[in-house]
Protein backbone atom coordinates (compact mmCIF):
# COMPACT_ATOMS: atom_id res chain seq x y z
CA MET A 1 -168.85 -23.62 143.68
CA THR A 2 -167.40 -24.61 140.70
CA LYS A 3 -168.67 -24.30 137.19
CA ALA A 4 -169.21 -28.12 137.32
CA GLU A 5 -171.39 -27.60 140.14
CA ILE A 6 -173.62 -25.00 138.66
CA VAL A 7 -173.96 -26.68 136.02
CA ALA A 8 -175.36 -29.93 137.84
CA ASN A 9 -177.36 -27.73 139.58
CA ILE A 10 -179.23 -26.28 136.74
CA SER A 11 -179.13 -29.48 135.27
CA GLU A 12 -181.01 -30.94 138.42
CA LYS A 13 -183.55 -27.53 138.19
CA SER A 14 -183.88 -27.81 134.86
CA GLY A 15 -184.45 -31.04 133.54
CA MET A 16 -181.91 -30.38 130.84
CA GLU A 17 -178.72 -31.92 129.91
CA LYS A 18 -175.46 -31.04 131.68
CA GLY A 19 -174.20 -31.51 128.44
CA ASP A 20 -176.35 -29.05 126.92
CA VAL A 21 -176.05 -26.57 130.08
CA LEU A 22 -172.29 -26.60 129.85
CA ARG A 23 -172.41 -25.35 126.02
CA VAL A 24 -175.20 -22.52 127.35
CA VAL A 25 -172.91 -21.66 130.19
CA GLU A 26 -169.29 -21.57 128.47
CA ASP A 27 -171.41 -19.71 125.84
CA LEU A 28 -172.26 -17.03 127.93
CA MET A 29 -168.65 -16.56 129.28
CA VAL A 30 -167.05 -16.31 125.71
CA GLU A 31 -169.64 -13.65 125.09
CA ILE A 32 -169.40 -11.74 127.86
CA LYS A 33 -165.13 -12.05 127.86
CA ASN A 34 -165.75 -11.14 123.76
CA SER A 35 -167.81 -7.76 124.23
CA LEU A 36 -165.30 -6.70 126.95
CA ASN A 37 -162.50 -7.47 124.63
CA LYS A 38 -164.59 -5.23 122.62
CA GLY A 39 -164.57 -2.58 125.15
CA GLU A 40 -168.09 -2.90 125.22
CA ASN A 41 -170.33 -3.27 128.74
CA VAL A 42 -172.41 -6.02 129.50
CA TYR A 43 -175.36 -5.87 131.74
CA LEU A 44 -176.99 -7.92 133.48
CA ARG A 45 -180.71 -6.62 135.09
CA GLY A 46 -181.22 -7.93 138.26
CA PHE A 47 -177.44 -9.35 138.87
CA GLY A 48 -174.88 -7.25 137.89
CA SER A 49 -172.89 -5.23 135.16
CA PHE A 50 -169.28 -7.21 133.88
CA ILE A 51 -167.65 -3.39 132.81
CA VAL A 52 -164.22 -2.56 131.12
CA LYS A 53 -161.75 -0.19 133.57
CA GLU A 54 -159.11 1.52 132.71
CA ARG A 55 -156.56 2.40 134.61
CA ALA A 56 -153.96 4.72 134.17
CA GLU A 57 -150.39 4.99 133.56
CA LYS A 58 -148.22 4.79 136.19
CA THR A 59 -145.03 4.62 137.71
CA GLY A 60 -144.11 0.91 139.80
CA ARG A 61 -140.57 0.13 141.61
CA ASN A 62 -138.76 -3.56 141.61
CA ILE A 63 -137.62 -3.55 145.04
CA SER A 64 -135.23 -6.20 144.20
CA LYS A 65 -133.07 -4.11 141.81
CA ASN A 66 -134.36 -0.88 143.36
CA THR A 67 -134.92 0.51 139.70
CA THR A 68 -138.84 2.19 138.68
CA ILE A 69 -140.25 1.28 135.62
CA LYS A 70 -143.53 2.50 133.91
CA ILE A 71 -146.48 0.48 133.71
CA PRO A 72 -148.70 1.51 130.73
CA ALA A 73 -152.12 2.52 130.80
CA HIS A 74 -154.07 -0.91 130.04
CA ASN A 75 -157.36 -1.79 130.67
CA ILE A 76 -159.31 -4.58 132.89
CA PRO A 77 -162.25 -6.37 133.73
CA ALA A 78 -164.79 -5.61 136.25
CA PHE A 79 -167.97 -6.90 137.93
CA LYS A 80 -170.40 -4.56 139.61
CA PRO A 81 -173.34 -6.13 141.20
CA ALA A 82 -176.40 -4.92 141.05
CA LYS A 83 -178.25 -3.32 144.22
CA VAL A 84 -181.02 -6.27 144.17
CA PHE A 85 -178.38 -8.79 144.23
CA VAL A 86 -175.58 -6.72 147.12
CA GLU A 87 -179.47 -6.71 149.47
CA THR A 88 -179.38 -10.43 148.89
CA VAL A 89 -176.62 -11.76 150.16
CA LYS A 90 -176.29 -8.57 152.75
CA ASN A 91 -180.03 -10.37 153.97
CA GLY A 92 -178.75 -13.81 153.29
CA VAL A 93 -182.18 -14.49 151.65
CA PRO A 94 -182.39 -17.82 149.05
CA VAL A 95 -183.09 -16.78 145.39
CA LYS A 96 -186.00 -19.24 143.86
């Protein structure tokens, strides 16, 4: 499912204009990105958590040149679904 399809479905169900729904969806994504950039996790009860994971420094290999390189420590975004969300997907129960 694409962002456009999500916007169309929400617009149809809520009766809101597609442009308004698109702005809300994009603003939500911007807020999540900004929070993660600041190192703040985002918790959406019943859906899941967008969290920042820290990756430790490690040694990698460039196999074409047969050399080792250091990969510095860095942060990556991750999503951890809520238990309710996992159970819903696992059991194939549609959400209303």
